[in-house]
């Protein structure tokens, strides 16, 4: 059975995919009214941030996973595949960290993070949720508001 911490991460990632799937491809190039990253660049940032944590913690999990470059931020299928790959790698990192808690006495810490896997999960979800809010605002300001059904669905955290 999957650990509840890993299940929570996977639930977050499924809900995130729902959000990404609801964005019209042309809206990936939308920006907030105040400027900053495009919607696609925000998604790329989430993926690339995960990689920056995986690099010191578990570089073996990065095999076959590349950063999203500027030329790919408008490609929803590419972003989706990248986010799926980094989500799986983070899930494996969480599993390893939690396994170390019981087998090696390391306390479930995530290498390079300095805290327990539960804290790492909290950090990742908080960071990504912040950007989900930014994405929603940028889309609304650009005339591509998310459907209310989608915005409510990302709060459905029941085990899946």
Protein backbone atom coordinates (compact mmCIF):
# COMPACT_ATOMS: atom_id res chain seq x y z
CA UNK A 1 0.00 0.00 0.00
CA UNK A 2 1.28 3.46 -0.87
CA UNK A 3 2.23 5.72 2.03
CA UNK A 4 -0.29 8.53 2.71
CA UNK A 5 2.39 11.15 2.04
CA UNK A 6 3.06 9.71 -1.41
CA UNK A 7 -0.68 9.36 -2.06
CA UNK A 8 -1.16 13.02 -1.17
CA UNK A 9 1.55 13.99 -3.65
CA UNK A 10 -0.02 11.86 -6.38
CA UNK A 11 -3.45 13.38 -5.66
CA UNK A 12 -1.96 16.87 -5.97
CA UNK A 13 -0.40 15.90 -9.31
CA UNK A 14 -3.69 14.46 -10.66
CA UNK A 15 -5.52 17.64 -9.72
CA UNK A 16 -2.73 19.68 -11.28
CA UNK A 17 -3.16 17.74 -14.51
CA UNK A 18 -6.88 18.58 -14.47
CA UNK A 19 -5.95 22.24 -14.26
CA UNK A 20 -3.42 22.05 -17.08
CA UNK A 21 -5.83 20.12 -19.31
CA UNK A 22 -8.45 22.87 -18.90
CA UNK A 23 -6.21 25.57 -20.35
CA UNK A 24 -6.68 26.31 -24.06
CA UNK A 25 -3.35 25.81 -25.85
CA UNK A 26 -3.23 29.44 -27.00
CA UNK A 27 -3.62 30.61 -23.39
CA UNK A 28 -0.25 29.15 -22.43
CA UNK A 29 1.26 32.36 -23.79
CA UNK A 30 -0.96 34.60 -21.63
CA UNK A 31 0.72 36.79 -19.01
CA UNK A 32 -0.61 38.42 -15.86
CA UNK A 33 -1.62 42.06 -16.32
CA UNK A 34 1.37 43.05 -14.18
CA UNK A 35 3.82 41.18 -16.42
CA UNK A 36 6.05 38.29 -15.52
CA UNK A 37 6.09 34.71 -16.73
CA UNK A 38 3.63 33.39 -19.26
CA UNK A 39 1.21 30.70 -18.12
CA UNK A 40 3.30 28.08 -19.91
CA UNK A 41 6.48 29.40 -18.31
CA UNK A 42 4.83 29.05 -14.88
CA UNK A 43 4.12 25.38 -15.62
CA UNK A 44 7.71 24.97 -16.80
CA UNK A 45 8.91 26.57 -13.57
CA UNK A 46 7.03 23.98 -11.51
CA UNK A 47 8.66 21.14 -13.40
CA UNK A 48 12.11 22.73 -13.35
CA UNK A 49 11.84 23.45 -9.63
CA UNK A 50 11.18 19.78 -8.98
CA UNK A 51 14.30 18.93 -10.94
CA UNK A 52 16.35 21.38 -8.89
CA UNK A 53 15.36 19.41 -5.75
CA UNK A 54 15.89 16.01 -7.37
CA UNK A 55 19.39 16.87 -8.58
CA UNK A 56 21.06 16.87 -5.15
CA UNK A 57 18.64 14.39 -3.53
CA UNK A 58 18.44 11.62 -6.13
CA UNK A 59 20.26 12.39 -9.38
CA UNK A 60 19.55 8.85 -10.63
CA UNK A 61 15.86 9.78 -10.84
CA UNK A 62 16.65 12.48 -13.41
CA UNK A 63 17.66 9.99 -16.10
CA UNK A 64 15.58 10.79 -19.16
CA UNK A 65 14.02 13.90 -17.61
CA UNK A 66 15.02 17.26 -19.02
CA UNK A 67 14.24 20.82 -18.01
CA UNK A 68 11.53 22.59 -19.96
CA UNK A 69 13.10 25.26 -22.12
CA UNK A 70 11.68 28.58 -23.26
CA UNK A 71 10.86 27.15 -26.67
CA UNK A 72 8.59 24.50 -25.10
CA UNK A 73 6.41 26.63 -22.80
CA UNK A 74 3.65 26.89 -25.39
CA UNK A 75 3.37 23.12 -25.91
CA UNK A 76 0.77 21.70 -23.52
CA UNK A 77 1.53 18.07 -24.42
CA UNK A 78 5.22 18.60 -23.74
CA UNK A 79 4.47 20.36 -20.44
CA UNK A 80 2.10 17.58 -19.42
CA UNK A 81 4.65 14.87 -20.19
CA UNK A 82 7.39 16.77 -18.34
CA UNK A 83 5.20 17.32 -15.27
CA UNK A 84 4.15 13.66 -15.27
CA UNK A 85 7.77 12.53 -15.40
CA UNK A 86 8.92 14.86 -12.62
CA UNK A 87 5.86 13.93 -10.52
CA UNK A 88 6.81 10.24 -10.73
CA UNK A 89 10.42 11.05 -9.83
CA UNK A 90 9.34 13.10 -6.79
CA UNK A 91 7.01 10.26 -5.73
CA UNK A 92 9.97 7.88 -5.85
CA UNK A 93 12.09 10.33 -3.84
CA UNK A 94 9.35 10.55 -1.21
CA UNK A 95 9.07 6.75 -1.11
CA UNK A 96 12.84 6.38 -0.66
CA UNK A 97 12.94 9.01 2.06
CA UNK A 98 10.08 7.38 3.93
CA UNK A 99 11.69 3.94 3.57
CA UNK A 100 14.91 5.31 5.07
CA UNK A 101 12.90 6.35 8.12
CA UNK A 102 12.18 2.78 9.04
CA UNK A 103 15.22 0.94 7.68
CA UNK A 104 18.24 3.19 8.14
CA UNK A 105 17.18 5.41 11.00
CA UNK A 106 17.61 8.59 8.97
CA UNK A 107 14.27 9.96 10.09
CA UNK A 108 12.65 10.10 6.66
CA UNK A 109 14.64 13.16 5.64
CA UNK A 110 14.85 14.27 2.04
CA UNK A 111 18.53 14.72 1.08
CA UNK A 112 19.32 18.33 0.25
CA UNK A 113 16.07 19.58 1.80
CA UNK A 114 16.98 19.04 5.43
CA UNK A 115 13.52 18.11 6.56
CA UNK A 116 11.18 15.14 6.68
CA UNK A 117 9.36 13.89 3.59
CA UNK A 118 6.09 15.28 4.99
CA UNK A 119 7.63 18.75 5.20
CA UNK A 120 9.00 18.39 1.67
CA UNK A 121 5.52 17.47 0.46
CA UNK A 122 4.12 20.54 2.21
CA UNK A 123 6.75 22.76 0.60
CA UNK A 124 6.10 21.40 -2.90
CA UNK A 125 2.32 21.60 -2.68
CA UNK A 126 2.43 25.13 -1.21
CA UNK A 127 4.86 26.31 -3.88
CA UNK A 128 2.90 24.79 -6.72
CA UNK A 129 -0.47 25.97 -5.36
CA UNK A 130 0.88 29.53 -5.22
CA UNK A 131 1.66 29.30 -8.92
CA UNK A 132 -1.70 27.66 -9.66
CA UNK A 133 -3.27 30.83 -8.25
CA UNK A 134 -1.01 32.96 -10.43
CA UNK A 135 -1.99 30.89 -13.45
CA UNK A 136 -5.69 31.36 -12.70
CA UNK A 137 -5.27 35.12 -12.33
CA UNK A 138 -3.23 35.41 -15.55
CA UNK A 139 -5.84 33.43 -17.47
CA UNK A 140 -8.73 35.50 -16.12
CA UNK A 141 -6.95 38.77 -16.87
CA UNK A 142 -6.21 37.60 -20.41
CA UNK A 143 -9.76 36.61 -21.23
CA UNK A 144 -9.29 32.85 -20.73
CA UNK A 145 -10.85 32.28 -17.30
CA UNK A 146 -10.93 28.72 -16.05
CA UNK A 147 -14.28 26.99 -15.97
CA UNK A 148 -15.82 27.05 -12.47
CA UNK A 149 -16.16 23.27 -12.52
CA UNK A 150 -12.39 23.00 -12.95
CA UNK A 151 -11.59 25.55 -10.27
CA UNK A 152 -13.79 23.70 -7.79
CA UNK A 153 -12.47 20.28 -8.83
CA UNK A 154 -8.91 21.07 -7.74
CA UNK A 155 -10.18 21.12 -4.15
CA UNK A 156 -11.39 17.51 -4.30
CA UNK A 157 -8.62 15.85 -2.31
CA UNK A 158 -10.39 12.58 -1.58
CA UNK A 159 -8.17 9.56 -2.09
CA UNK A 160 -8.26 8.49 -5.72
